[in-house]
N, C-alpha and C. Protein backbone atom coordinates (compact mmCIF):
# COMPACT_ATOMS: atom_id res chain seq x y z
N UNK A 1 3.06 -270.55 103.76
CA UNK A 1 1.77 -271.24 103.73
C UNK A 1 0.76 -270.45 104.53
N UNK A 2 -0.46 -270.31 104.03
CA UNK A 2 -1.50 -269.62 104.76
C UNK A 2 -2.37 -270.63 105.48
N UNK A 3 -2.88 -270.25 106.62
CA UNK A 3 -3.75 -271.10 107.40
C UNK A 3 -5.11 -270.45 107.49
N UNK A 4 -6.16 -271.20 107.12
CA UNK A 4 -7.50 -270.65 107.13
C UNK A 4 -7.93 -270.30 108.55
N UNK A 5 -8.52 -269.14 108.69
CA UNK A 5 -9.08 -268.73 109.97
C UNK A 5 -10.59 -268.76 109.80
N UNK A 6 -11.28 -269.59 110.55
CA UNK A 6 -12.71 -269.76 110.39
C UNK A 6 -13.47 -268.61 111.03
N UNK A 7 -14.58 -268.28 110.46
CA UNK A 7 -15.43 -267.22 110.97
C UNK A 7 -16.09 -267.65 112.26
N UNK A 8 -16.64 -266.67 113.00
CA UNK A 8 -17.36 -266.99 114.22
C UNK A 8 -18.55 -267.89 113.93
N UNK A 9 -19.16 -267.70 112.77
CA UNK A 9 -20.28 -268.55 112.40
C UNK A 9 -19.85 -270.00 112.27
N UNK A 10 -18.69 -270.22 111.65
CA UNK A 10 -18.17 -271.58 111.51
C UNK A 10 -17.88 -272.19 112.88
N UNK A 11 -17.35 -271.38 113.79
CA UNK A 11 -16.97 -271.90 115.10
C UNK A 11 -18.18 -272.37 115.90
N UNK A 12 -19.36 -271.82 115.59
CA UNK A 12 -20.56 -272.19 116.32
C UNK A 12 -21.25 -273.44 115.76
N UNK A 13 -20.74 -273.96 114.66
CA UNK A 13 -21.31 -275.16 114.07
C UNK A 13 -20.93 -276.37 114.91
N UNK A 14 -21.79 -277.40 114.96
CA UNK A 14 -21.42 -278.63 115.69
C UNK A 14 -20.15 -279.23 115.09
N UNK A 15 -19.29 -279.74 115.97
CA UNK A 15 -18.03 -280.33 115.50
C UNK A 15 -18.31 -281.63 114.77
N UNK A 16 -17.80 -281.79 113.54
CA UNK A 16 -17.98 -283.04 112.81
C UNK A 16 -17.21 -284.16 113.49
N UNK A 17 -17.65 -285.39 113.27
CA UNK A 17 -17.01 -286.55 113.87
C UNK A 17 -16.60 -287.53 112.79
N UNK A 18 -15.61 -288.39 113.09
CA UNK A 18 -15.20 -289.41 112.15
C UNK A 18 -14.02 -288.96 111.31
N UNK A 19 -13.26 -289.95 110.83
CA UNK A 19 -12.03 -289.65 110.09
C UNK A 19 -12.29 -288.85 108.83
N UNK A 20 -13.38 -289.13 108.14
CA UNK A 20 -13.67 -288.42 106.90
C UNK A 20 -14.00 -286.95 107.14
N UNK A 21 -14.35 -286.61 108.36
CA UNK A 21 -14.76 -285.24 108.68
C UNK A 21 -13.61 -284.38 109.21
N UNK A 22 -12.42 -284.97 109.35
CA UNK A 22 -11.31 -284.23 109.96
C UNK A 22 -11.01 -282.90 109.27
N UNK A 23 -11.02 -282.81 107.93
CA UNK A 23 -10.72 -281.51 107.30
C UNK A 23 -11.69 -280.40 107.71
N UNK A 24 -12.90 -280.76 108.13
CA UNK A 24 -13.88 -279.77 108.52
C UNK A 24 -13.90 -279.44 109.99
N UNK A 25 -13.06 -280.08 110.78
CA UNK A 25 -13.02 -279.79 112.22
C UNK A 25 -12.38 -278.43 112.46
N UNK A 26 -13.04 -277.59 113.20
CA UNK A 26 -12.50 -276.27 113.57
C UNK A 26 -11.55 -276.46 114.75
N UNK A 27 -10.31 -276.09 114.57
CA UNK A 27 -9.32 -276.28 115.62
C UNK A 27 -9.56 -275.33 116.78
N UNK A 28 -9.33 -275.84 117.99
CA UNK A 28 -9.43 -274.98 119.16
C UNK A 28 -8.25 -274.01 119.18
N UNK A 29 -8.29 -272.97 120.00
CA UNK A 29 -7.23 -271.95 119.96
C UNK A 29 -5.83 -272.51 120.13
N UNK A 30 -5.64 -273.46 121.04
CA UNK A 30 -4.30 -274.01 121.26
C UNK A 30 -3.79 -274.71 120.01
N UNK A 31 -4.62 -275.57 119.43
CA UNK A 31 -4.19 -276.32 118.26
C UNK A 31 -4.03 -275.43 117.04
N UNK A 32 -4.89 -274.42 116.90
CA UNK A 32 -4.75 -273.49 115.79
C UNK A 32 -3.42 -272.73 115.88
N UNK A 33 -3.03 -272.38 117.11
CA UNK A 33 -1.74 -271.69 117.31
C UNK A 33 -0.58 -272.61 116.94
N UNK A 34 -0.65 -273.88 117.36
CA UNK A 34 0.41 -274.83 116.99
C UNK A 34 0.56 -274.93 115.48
N UNK A 35 -0.56 -275.02 114.78
CA UNK A 35 -0.52 -275.15 113.33
C UNK A 35 0.01 -273.89 112.67
N UNK A 36 -0.43 -272.74 113.12
CA UNK A 36 0.01 -271.48 112.51
C UNK A 36 1.50 -271.26 112.71
N UNK A 37 2.01 -271.57 113.92
CA UNK A 37 3.44 -271.39 114.19
C UNK A 37 4.27 -272.35 113.34
N UNK A 38 3.84 -273.59 113.24
CA UNK A 38 4.59 -274.56 112.43
C UNK A 38 4.53 -274.20 110.95
N UNK A 39 3.39 -273.70 110.50
CA UNK A 39 3.22 -273.36 109.09
C UNK A 39 4.14 -272.21 108.67
N UNK A 40 4.40 -271.30 109.57
CA UNK A 40 5.27 -270.16 109.24
C UNK A 40 6.68 -270.61 108.86
N UNK A 41 7.13 -271.70 109.45
CA UNK A 41 8.49 -272.19 109.19
C UNK A 41 8.50 -273.38 108.24
N UNK A 42 7.36 -273.71 107.65
CA UNK A 42 7.27 -274.90 106.80
C UNK A 42 8.15 -274.75 105.56
N UNK A 43 8.94 -275.79 105.29
CA UNK A 43 9.84 -275.76 104.15
C UNK A 43 9.40 -276.69 103.03
N UNK A 44 10.13 -276.63 101.92
CA UNK A 44 9.83 -277.48 100.77
C UNK A 44 9.04 -276.74 99.72
N UNK A 45 8.71 -277.46 98.63
CA UNK A 45 7.96 -276.82 97.57
C UNK A 45 6.50 -276.63 97.99
N UNK A 46 5.75 -275.93 97.14
CA UNK A 46 4.38 -275.57 97.51
C UNK A 46 3.51 -276.79 97.77
N UNK A 47 3.68 -277.83 96.94
CA UNK A 47 2.85 -279.03 97.10
C UNK A 47 3.15 -279.73 98.42
N UNK A 48 4.44 -279.82 98.78
CA UNK A 48 4.81 -280.48 100.03
C UNK A 48 4.36 -279.66 101.23
N UNK A 49 4.47 -278.35 101.16
CA UNK A 49 3.99 -277.52 102.26
C UNK A 49 2.48 -277.68 102.44
N UNK A 50 1.75 -277.73 101.32
CA UNK A 50 0.31 -277.89 101.41
C UNK A 50 -0.05 -279.25 102.02
N UNK A 51 0.66 -280.30 101.62
CA UNK A 51 0.38 -281.63 102.14
C UNK A 51 0.68 -281.69 103.64
N UNK A 52 1.81 -281.12 104.04
CA UNK A 52 2.14 -281.11 105.46
C UNK A 52 1.09 -280.35 106.26
N UNK A 53 0.64 -279.23 105.72
CA UNK A 53 -0.38 -278.45 106.42
C UNK A 53 -1.67 -279.22 106.59
N UNK A 54 -2.09 -279.93 105.54
CA UNK A 54 -3.32 -280.72 105.60
C UNK A 54 -3.18 -281.88 106.58
N UNK A 55 -2.03 -282.56 106.54
CA UNK A 55 -1.81 -283.69 107.45
C UNK A 55 -1.74 -283.20 108.89
N UNK A 56 -1.08 -282.06 109.12
CA UNK A 56 -0.98 -281.52 110.47
C UNK A 56 -2.35 -281.11 111.00
N UNK A 57 -3.16 -280.50 110.14
CA UNK A 57 -4.53 -280.14 110.55
C UNK A 57 -5.30 -281.38 110.95
N UNK A 58 -5.22 -282.45 110.13
CA UNK A 58 -5.94 -283.67 110.45
C UNK A 58 -5.45 -284.28 111.76
N UNK A 59 -4.16 -284.21 112.01
CA UNK A 59 -3.61 -284.74 113.26
C UNK A 59 -4.17 -283.98 114.46
N UNK A 60 -4.17 -282.67 114.37
CA UNK A 60 -4.70 -281.85 115.46
C UNK A 60 -6.20 -282.06 115.62
N UNK A 61 -6.91 -282.14 114.50
CA UNK A 61 -8.35 -282.40 114.56
C UNK A 61 -8.63 -283.76 115.18
N UNK A 62 -7.82 -284.75 114.85
CA UNK A 62 -7.99 -286.08 115.40
C UNK A 62 -7.85 -286.05 116.92
N UNK A 63 -6.92 -285.24 117.41
CA UNK A 63 -6.74 -285.14 118.86
C UNK A 63 -7.99 -284.55 119.53
N UNK A 64 -8.74 -283.75 118.80
CA UNK A 64 -9.94 -283.12 119.38
C UNK A 64 -11.15 -284.06 119.40
N UNK A 65 -11.23 -284.97 118.44
CA UNK A 65 -12.40 -285.84 118.40
C UNK A 65 -12.15 -287.19 119.06
N UNK A 66 -10.89 -287.46 119.44
CA UNK A 66 -10.58 -288.73 120.09
C UNK A 66 -11.27 -288.82 121.44
N UNK A 67 -11.59 -290.03 121.87
CA UNK A 67 -12.30 -290.21 123.12
C UNK A 67 -11.40 -289.98 124.32
N UNK A 68 -11.98 -289.36 125.35
CA UNK A 68 -11.35 -289.23 126.67
C UNK A 68 -9.95 -288.63 126.63
N UNK A 69 -9.76 -287.60 125.81
CA UNK A 69 -8.45 -286.97 125.75
C UNK A 69 -7.37 -287.94 125.33
N UNK A 70 -7.72 -288.84 124.43
CA UNK A 70 -6.83 -289.93 124.04
C UNK A 70 -5.51 -289.44 123.47
N UNK A 71 -5.51 -288.30 122.79
CA UNK A 71 -4.32 -287.83 122.08
C UNK A 71 -4.13 -286.33 122.28
N UNK A 72 -2.89 -285.94 122.57
CA UNK A 72 -2.51 -284.53 122.65
C UNK A 72 -1.28 -284.32 121.78
N UNK A 73 -1.32 -283.32 120.92
CA UNK A 73 -0.14 -282.95 120.13
C UNK A 73 0.65 -281.95 120.96
N UNK A 74 1.81 -282.37 121.44
CA UNK A 74 2.62 -281.52 122.31
C UNK A 74 3.48 -280.54 121.52
N UNK A 75 4.03 -281.02 120.41
CA UNK A 75 4.88 -280.16 119.56
C UNK A 75 4.65 -280.51 118.10
N UNK A 76 4.88 -279.51 117.25
CA UNK A 76 4.67 -279.68 115.82
C UNK A 76 5.76 -278.93 115.07
N UNK A 77 6.35 -279.57 114.07
CA UNK A 77 7.45 -278.99 113.31
C UNK A 77 7.28 -279.37 111.85
N UNK A 78 7.28 -278.39 110.95
CA UNK A 78 7.13 -278.67 109.53
C UNK A 78 8.26 -278.07 108.71
N UNK A 79 9.41 -277.83 109.33
CA UNK A 79 10.52 -277.21 108.60
C UNK A 79 11.02 -278.11 107.48
N UNK A 80 11.09 -279.39 107.71
CA UNK A 80 11.49 -280.35 106.67
C UNK A 80 10.42 -281.43 106.60
N UNK A 81 10.62 -282.54 107.30
CA UNK A 81 9.54 -283.52 107.45
C UNK A 81 8.45 -282.91 108.34
N UNK A 82 7.27 -283.51 108.33
CA UNK A 82 6.28 -283.21 109.34
C UNK A 82 6.63 -284.04 110.57
N UNK A 83 6.97 -283.35 111.65
CA UNK A 83 7.35 -284.03 112.87
C UNK A 83 6.47 -283.55 114.01
N UNK A 84 6.17 -284.45 114.92
CA UNK A 84 5.34 -284.09 116.07
C UNK A 84 5.73 -284.93 117.27
N UNK A 85 5.52 -284.36 118.45
CA UNK A 85 5.61 -285.11 119.70
C UNK A 85 4.18 -285.28 120.19
N UNK A 86 3.79 -286.53 120.43
CA UNK A 86 2.42 -286.86 120.78
C UNK A 86 2.35 -287.50 122.15
N UNK A 87 1.35 -287.12 122.92
CA UNK A 87 1.04 -287.81 124.16
C UNK A 87 -0.20 -288.65 123.90
N UNK A 88 -0.05 -289.95 123.96
CA UNK A 88 -1.17 -290.86 123.69
C UNK A 88 -1.51 -291.60 124.99
N UNK A 89 -2.75 -291.46 125.41
CA UNK A 89 -3.22 -292.16 126.60
C UNK A 89 -3.71 -293.55 126.18
N UNK A 90 -2.87 -294.52 126.45
CA UNK A 90 -3.09 -295.89 126.02
C UNK A 90 -2.28 -296.80 126.93
N UNK A 91 -2.78 -297.97 127.29
CA UNK A 91 -1.94 -298.89 128.06
C UNK A 91 -0.77 -299.37 127.21
N UNK A 92 0.42 -299.34 127.81
CA UNK A 92 1.63 -299.72 127.09
C UNK A 92 2.33 -300.84 127.87
N UNK A 93 2.55 -301.99 127.26
CA UNK A 93 3.20 -303.09 127.97
C UNK A 93 4.69 -302.80 128.16
N UNK A 94 5.16 -303.04 129.39
CA UNK A 94 6.58 -302.85 129.71
C UNK A 94 7.15 -304.16 130.24
N UNK A 95 8.45 -304.28 130.15
CA UNK A 95 9.15 -305.53 130.48
C UNK A 95 8.69 -306.07 131.84
N UNK A 96 8.37 -307.36 131.90
CA UNK A 96 7.94 -307.97 133.17
C UNK A 96 9.01 -307.84 134.25
N UNK A 97 8.56 -307.82 135.52
CA UNK A 97 9.49 -307.71 136.63
C UNK A 97 10.14 -309.06 136.92
N UNK A 98 10.89 -309.11 138.01
CA UNK A 98 11.64 -310.34 138.33
C UNK A 98 10.72 -311.53 138.58
N UNK A 99 9.45 -311.26 138.89
CA UNK A 99 8.48 -312.33 139.11
C UNK A 99 7.64 -312.62 137.87
N UNK A 100 8.08 -312.09 136.74
CA UNK A 100 7.40 -312.28 135.46
C UNK A 100 6.01 -311.64 135.43
N UNK A 101 5.84 -310.60 136.23
CA UNK A 101 4.59 -309.85 136.24
C UNK A 101 4.71 -308.67 135.29
N UNK A 102 3.84 -308.61 134.32
CA UNK A 102 3.88 -307.56 133.32
C UNK A 102 3.60 -306.21 133.96
N UNK A 103 4.39 -305.22 133.61
CA UNK A 103 4.11 -303.84 134.02
C UNK A 103 3.42 -303.13 132.86
N UNK A 104 2.44 -302.30 133.17
CA UNK A 104 1.68 -301.60 132.13
C UNK A 104 1.64 -300.11 132.45
N UNK A 105 2.19 -299.30 131.55
CA UNK A 105 2.12 -297.84 131.70
C UNK A 105 0.78 -297.36 131.15
N UNK A 106 0.37 -296.17 131.59
CA UNK A 106 -0.94 -295.67 131.16
C UNK A 106 -0.88 -294.67 130.02
N UNK A 107 0.32 -294.39 129.52
CA UNK A 107 0.43 -293.47 128.39
C UNK A 107 1.77 -293.69 127.69
N UNK A 108 1.86 -293.12 126.51
CA UNK A 108 3.11 -293.14 125.75
C UNK A 108 3.39 -291.75 125.21
N UNK A 109 4.67 -291.39 125.21
CA UNK A 109 5.13 -290.18 124.52
C UNK A 109 5.79 -290.65 123.24
N UNK A 110 5.26 -290.18 122.12
CA UNK A 110 5.67 -290.68 120.81
C UNK A 110 6.29 -289.59 119.96
N UNK A 111 7.25 -289.98 119.17
CA UNK A 111 7.77 -289.10 118.13
C UNK A 111 7.24 -289.55 116.79
N UNK A 112 6.60 -288.65 116.07
CA UNK A 112 6.07 -288.93 114.73
C UNK A 112 6.96 -288.25 113.70
N UNK A 113 7.38 -289.00 112.69
CA UNK A 113 8.14 -288.43 111.58
C UNK A 113 7.45 -288.82 110.28
N UNK A 114 7.07 -287.81 109.49
CA UNK A 114 6.36 -288.03 108.23
C UNK A 114 7.19 -287.38 107.13
N UNK A 115 8.07 -288.16 106.48
CA UNK A 115 9.04 -287.58 105.54
C UNK A 115 8.46 -287.41 104.14
N UNK A 116 9.12 -286.55 103.35
CA UNK A 116 8.68 -286.29 101.98
C UNK A 116 8.64 -287.56 101.15
N UNK A 117 9.52 -288.50 101.46
CA UNK A 117 9.61 -289.74 100.68
C UNK A 117 8.32 -290.54 100.68
N UNK A 118 7.48 -290.35 101.70
CA UNK A 118 6.24 -291.11 101.77
C UNK A 118 5.31 -290.82 100.60
N UNK A 119 5.50 -289.69 99.94
CA UNK A 119 4.67 -289.35 98.79
C UNK A 119 5.15 -290.02 97.51
N UNK A 120 6.35 -290.60 97.53
CA UNK A 120 6.93 -291.14 96.32
C UNK A 120 7.08 -292.66 96.32
N UNK A 121 7.12 -293.27 97.51
CA UNK A 121 7.37 -294.71 97.54
C UNK A 121 6.89 -295.31 98.85
N UNK A 122 6.79 -296.62 98.86
CA UNK A 122 6.51 -297.34 100.08
C UNK A 122 7.70 -297.23 101.02
N UNK A 123 7.43 -297.12 102.31
CA UNK A 123 8.51 -297.00 103.29
C UNK A 123 8.40 -298.11 104.33
N UNK A 124 9.53 -298.51 104.91
CA UNK A 124 9.48 -299.53 105.97
C UNK A 124 8.56 -299.10 107.11
N UNK A 125 7.92 -300.08 107.73
CA UNK A 125 6.98 -299.78 108.80
C UNK A 125 7.58 -299.17 110.04
N UNK A 126 8.91 -299.17 110.14
CA UNK A 126 9.59 -298.57 111.28
C UNK A 126 9.99 -297.12 111.02
N UNK A 127 9.52 -296.54 109.93
CA UNK A 127 9.97 -295.21 109.52
C UNK A 127 9.25 -294.06 110.22
N UNK A 128 8.15 -294.33 110.93
CA UNK A 128 7.25 -293.23 111.30
C UNK A 128 7.12 -292.95 112.79
N UNK A 129 7.16 -293.97 113.64
CA UNK A 129 6.84 -293.79 115.06
C UNK A 129 7.99 -294.28 115.93
N UNK A 130 8.37 -293.44 116.90
CA UNK A 130 9.36 -293.81 117.91
C UNK A 130 8.73 -293.59 119.28
N UNK A 131 8.92 -294.53 120.18
CA UNK A 131 8.37 -294.41 121.54
C UNK A 131 9.44 -293.81 122.45
N UNK A 132 9.23 -292.56 122.88
CA UNK A 132 10.16 -291.90 123.79
C UNK A 132 9.96 -292.37 125.23
N UNK A 133 8.73 -292.52 125.63
CA UNK A 133 8.36 -293.00 126.96
C UNK A 133 7.13 -293.90 126.82
N UNK A 134 7.01 -294.91 127.66
CA UNK A 134 7.91 -295.35 128.72
C UNK A 134 9.12 -296.08 128.14
N UNK A 135 10.09 -296.33 128.99
CA UNK A 135 11.24 -297.13 128.59
C UNK A 135 10.94 -298.61 128.85
N UNK A 136 11.65 -299.46 128.17
CA UNK A 136 11.48 -300.89 128.37
C UNK A 136 10.17 -301.43 127.84
N UNK A 137 9.69 -300.86 126.72
CA UNK A 137 8.45 -301.36 126.13
C UNK A 137 8.61 -302.83 125.74
N UNK A 138 7.62 -303.63 126.14
CA UNK A 138 7.68 -305.09 125.93
C UNK A 138 6.66 -305.46 124.86
N UNK A 139 7.11 -305.38 123.63
CA UNK A 139 6.18 -305.51 122.51
C UNK A 139 6.92 -306.13 121.34
N UNK A 140 6.30 -307.11 120.71
CA UNK A 140 6.94 -307.79 119.60
C UNK A 140 7.27 -306.86 118.44
N UNK A 141 6.52 -305.77 118.31
CA UNK A 141 6.71 -304.85 117.19
C UNK A 141 7.49 -303.60 117.55
N UNK A 142 8.11 -303.58 118.73
CA UNK A 142 8.88 -302.41 119.16
C UNK A 142 10.34 -302.78 119.31
N UNK A 143 11.22 -302.05 118.61
CA UNK A 143 12.64 -302.30 118.71
C UNK A 143 13.17 -301.95 120.08
N UNK A 144 14.26 -302.56 120.47
CA UNK A 144 14.85 -302.32 121.78
C UNK A 144 15.66 -301.04 121.79
N UNK A 145 16.50 -300.83 120.78
CA UNK A 145 17.34 -299.64 120.72
C UNK A 145 16.57 -298.51 120.06
N UNK A 146 16.30 -297.46 120.81
CA UNK A 146 15.56 -296.31 120.28
C UNK A 146 14.05 -296.49 120.26
N UNK A 147 13.58 -297.70 120.49
CA UNK A 147 12.16 -298.04 120.55
C UNK A 147 11.34 -297.56 119.35
N UNK A 148 11.80 -297.84 118.12
CA UNK A 148 10.93 -297.59 116.97
C UNK A 148 9.80 -298.60 116.96
N UNK A 149 8.61 -298.17 116.57
CA UNK A 149 7.46 -299.06 116.51
C UNK A 149 7.26 -299.48 115.06
N UNK A 150 7.26 -300.77 114.82
CA UNK A 150 7.08 -301.30 113.47
C UNK A 150 5.59 -301.49 113.20
N UNK A 151 5.08 -300.81 112.20
CA UNK A 151 3.66 -300.89 111.84
C UNK A 151 3.41 -301.81 110.65
N UNK A 152 4.43 -302.57 110.27
CA UNK A 152 4.30 -303.49 109.16
C UNK A 152 5.61 -303.60 108.40
N UNK A 153 5.70 -304.56 107.50
CA UNK A 153 6.93 -304.70 106.71
C UNK A 153 7.22 -303.41 105.95
N UNK A 154 6.24 -302.92 105.22
CA UNK A 154 6.31 -301.59 104.62
C UNK A 154 4.88 -301.07 104.49
N UNK A 155 4.78 -299.75 104.35
CA UNK A 155 3.47 -299.11 104.31
C UNK A 155 3.26 -298.42 102.97
N UNK A 156 2.02 -298.29 102.53
CA UNK A 156 1.74 -297.77 101.20
C UNK A 156 2.21 -296.34 100.99
N UNK A 157 2.53 -296.04 99.76
CA UNK A 157 2.86 -294.67 99.36
C UNK A 157 1.68 -293.77 99.71
N UNK A 158 1.97 -292.63 100.32
CA UNK A 158 0.92 -291.67 100.64
C UNK A 158 0.11 -291.98 101.87
N UNK A 159 0.55 -292.93 102.69
CA UNK A 159 -0.17 -293.27 103.91
C UNK A 159 -0.43 -292.02 104.74
N UNK A 160 -1.69 -291.70 105.08
CA UNK A 160 -1.97 -290.49 105.84
C UNK A 160 -1.58 -290.61 107.31
N UNK A 161 -1.28 -289.47 107.92
CA UNK A 161 -0.86 -289.44 109.31
C UNK A 161 -1.95 -290.01 110.23
N UNK A 162 -3.21 -289.69 109.96
CA UNK A 162 -4.29 -290.18 110.83
C UNK A 162 -4.28 -291.70 110.92
N UNK A 163 -3.97 -292.37 109.81
CA UNK A 163 -3.92 -293.83 109.82
C UNK A 163 -2.74 -294.33 110.64
N UNK A 164 -1.62 -293.64 110.58
CA UNK A 164 -0.46 -294.01 111.38
C UNK A 164 -0.80 -293.92 112.87
N UNK A 165 -1.52 -292.89 113.26
CA UNK A 165 -1.89 -292.73 114.67
C UNK A 165 -2.82 -293.85 115.11
N UNK A 166 -3.82 -294.16 114.31
CA UNK A 166 -4.74 -295.23 114.67
C UNK A 166 -4.03 -296.59 114.73
N UNK A 167 -3.11 -296.83 113.80
CA UNK A 167 -2.35 -298.07 113.82
C UNK A 167 -1.49 -298.15 115.08
N UNK A 168 -0.93 -297.03 115.49
CA UNK A 168 -0.11 -296.99 116.70
C UNK A 168 -0.94 -297.31 117.93
N UNK A 169 -2.13 -296.72 118.03
CA UNK A 169 -3.01 -297.00 119.16
C UNK A 169 -3.39 -298.48 119.20
N UNK A 170 -3.74 -299.02 118.05
CA UNK A 170 -4.11 -300.43 117.99
C UNK A 170 -2.96 -301.33 118.39
N UNK A 171 -1.75 -300.97 117.97
CA UNK A 171 -0.59 -301.79 118.31
C UNK A 171 -0.27 -301.74 119.80
N UNK A 172 -0.23 -300.54 120.38
CA UNK A 172 0.15 -300.41 121.78
C UNK A 172 -0.90 -301.00 122.72
N UNK A 173 -2.17 -300.83 122.40
CA UNK A 173 -3.22 -301.41 123.22
C UNK A 173 -3.38 -302.90 122.95
N UNK A 174 -2.66 -303.37 121.95
CA UNK A 174 -2.63 -304.77 121.54
C UNK A 174 -3.99 -305.26 121.05
N UNK A 175 -4.74 -304.33 120.46
CA UNK A 175 -5.96 -304.70 119.75
C UNK A 175 -5.62 -305.29 118.39
N UNK A 176 -4.49 -304.86 117.86
CA UNK A 176 -3.95 -305.45 116.63
C UNK A 176 -2.50 -305.80 116.91
N UNK A 177 -2.14 -307.04 116.79
CA UNK A 177 -0.79 -307.45 117.18
C UNK A 177 -0.40 -308.72 116.45
N UNK A 178 0.90 -308.84 116.17
CA UNK A 178 1.47 -310.05 115.61
C UNK A 178 2.47 -310.59 116.63
N UNK A 179 2.28 -311.84 117.08
CA UNK A 179 3.17 -312.40 118.10
C UNK A 179 3.91 -313.64 117.60
N UNK A 180 3.70 -314.04 116.36
CA UNK A 180 4.38 -315.21 115.81
C UNK A 180 5.77 -314.79 115.35
N UNK A 181 6.80 -315.18 116.10
CA UNK A 181 8.16 -314.75 115.78
C UNK A 181 8.65 -315.30 114.44
N UNK A 182 7.95 -316.28 113.88
CA UNK A 182 8.33 -316.80 112.57
C UNK A 182 7.85 -315.92 111.43
N UNK A 183 6.93 -315.00 111.75
CA UNK A 183 6.39 -314.08 110.75
C UNK A 183 7.24 -312.83 110.72
N UNK A 184 7.80 -312.51 109.56
CA UNK A 184 8.71 -311.38 109.45
C UNK A 184 7.99 -310.04 109.38
N UNK A 185 6.66 -310.05 109.30
CA UNK A 185 5.90 -308.81 109.12
C UNK A 185 5.75 -308.06 110.44
N UNK A 186 6.81 -307.39 110.85
CA UNK A 186 6.72 -306.50 111.99
C UNK A 186 7.35 -307.01 113.27
N UNK A 187 7.82 -308.26 113.31
CA UNK A 187 8.43 -308.78 114.53
C UNK A 187 9.86 -308.27 114.63
N UNK A 188 10.11 -307.43 115.62
CA UNK A 188 11.46 -306.89 115.81
C UNK A 188 12.01 -307.21 117.20
N UNK A 189 11.18 -307.78 118.06
CA UNK A 189 11.63 -308.21 119.38
C UNK A 189 11.15 -309.65 119.60
N UNK A 190 11.94 -310.64 119.15
CA UNK A 190 11.51 -312.04 119.25
C UNK A 190 11.27 -312.49 120.69
N UNK A 191 12.04 -311.97 121.65
CA UNK A 191 11.84 -312.36 123.05
C UNK A 191 10.45 -311.95 123.52
N UNK A 192 10.06 -310.72 123.20
CA UNK A 192 8.72 -310.26 123.58
C UNK A 192 7.65 -311.06 122.84
N UNK A 193 7.91 -311.38 121.57
CA UNK A 193 6.95 -312.17 120.80
C UNK A 193 6.71 -313.52 121.46
N UNK A 194 7.79 -314.17 121.91
CA UNK A 194 7.64 -315.47 122.57
C UNK A 194 6.88 -315.34 123.89
N UNK A 195 7.16 -314.26 124.64
CA UNK A 195 6.46 -314.05 125.92
C UNK A 195 4.97 -313.87 125.69
N UNK A 196 4.61 -313.06 124.70
CA UNK A 196 3.20 -312.82 124.43
C UNK A 196 2.51 -314.06 123.87
N UNK A 197 3.23 -314.85 123.09
CA UNK A 197 2.64 -316.08 122.57
C UNK A 197 2.28 -317.03 123.70
N UNK A 198 3.03 -316.94 124.80
CA UNK A 198 2.75 -317.79 125.97
C UNK A 198 1.76 -317.13 126.93
N UNK A 199 1.36 -315.90 126.65
CA UNK A 199 0.47 -315.16 127.54
C UNK A 199 -0.66 -314.49 126.75
N UNK A 200 -1.23 -315.26 125.85
CA UNK A 200 -2.27 -314.71 124.98
C UNK A 200 -3.50 -314.25 125.76
N UNK A 201 -3.68 -314.77 126.96
CA UNK A 201 -4.83 -314.36 127.76
C UNK A 201 -4.76 -312.89 128.18
N UNK A 202 -3.58 -312.28 128.07
CA UNK A 202 -3.42 -310.87 128.43
C UNK A 202 -3.78 -309.91 127.29
N UNK A 203 -4.05 -310.46 126.12
CA UNK A 203 -4.32 -309.66 124.92
C UNK A 203 -5.83 -309.57 124.68
N UNK A 204 -6.35 -308.37 124.40
CA UNK A 204 -5.67 -307.06 124.34
C UNK A 204 -5.53 -306.44 125.72
N UNK A 205 -4.72 -305.41 125.81
CA UNK A 205 -4.61 -304.67 127.07
C UNK A 205 -5.82 -303.78 127.29
N UNK A 206 -6.47 -303.40 126.21
CA UNK A 206 -7.68 -302.57 126.30
C UNK A 206 -8.52 -302.83 125.06
N UNK A 207 -9.84 -302.73 125.24
CA UNK A 207 -10.76 -302.81 124.11
C UNK A 207 -11.40 -301.46 123.82
N UNK A 208 -10.96 -300.42 124.53
CA UNK A 208 -11.52 -299.09 124.35
C UNK A 208 -11.15 -298.55 122.98
N UNK A 209 -12.11 -298.08 122.20
CA UNK A 209 -11.79 -297.53 120.88
C UNK A 209 -11.10 -296.18 120.97
N UNK A 210 -10.35 -295.86 119.93
CA UNK A 210 -9.67 -294.56 119.89
C UNK A 210 -10.65 -293.42 119.76
N UNK A 211 -11.64 -293.59 118.89
CA UNK A 211 -12.61 -292.54 118.64
C UNK A 211 -13.85 -292.72 119.49
N UNK A 212 -14.52 -291.61 119.74
CA UNK A 212 -15.76 -291.64 120.49
C UNK A 212 -16.79 -292.48 119.77
N UNK A 213 -17.60 -293.20 120.54
CA UNK A 213 -18.66 -293.99 119.94
C UNK A 213 -19.77 -293.09 119.46
N UNK A 214 -20.40 -293.50 118.33
CA UNK A 214 -21.55 -292.73 117.83
C UNK A 214 -21.17 -291.61 116.93
């Protein structure tokens, strides 16, 4: 797979903003290197390699336009699935202490997996995001073993990576959340769901948007 190298003239253009502008964002040297290295080892047929390259570019571009260093792509791998390790600066609820006081971490280390199957069919909402850190996440939509994050019962065919990232931020900051344990759409930790249902005054943990205002 080839990776476009923008001219100096392109680099001097104002950086576009907004999700629709991600394909036009010029990657900074660090992110461009990550993409080029991953692209060299990218596997699969030509269409899948092209899709992974485009999704990876959008992911890296999203990290550049996010507010306050909200997202950093730490690692990128396109040998089979598109996989990435992400550092997301977001409040993350953790299991309450012995006095029932909620602990809140200030960031999450996430594993993103974007498999070829997403282009052919709907996939379960737990297929894409795993929370590596912090441990003991206290969230109705986060599994206990391995801490997969459920983004819904299932997600549409072709769901773009940028949308997965935004959904993850909304879920962890509890700007978008389901706490009714009777609802099967994403509830994987009923104990946490019951705790949050009794502590609705704590929701959301943050109202800060993922993207810069304006």
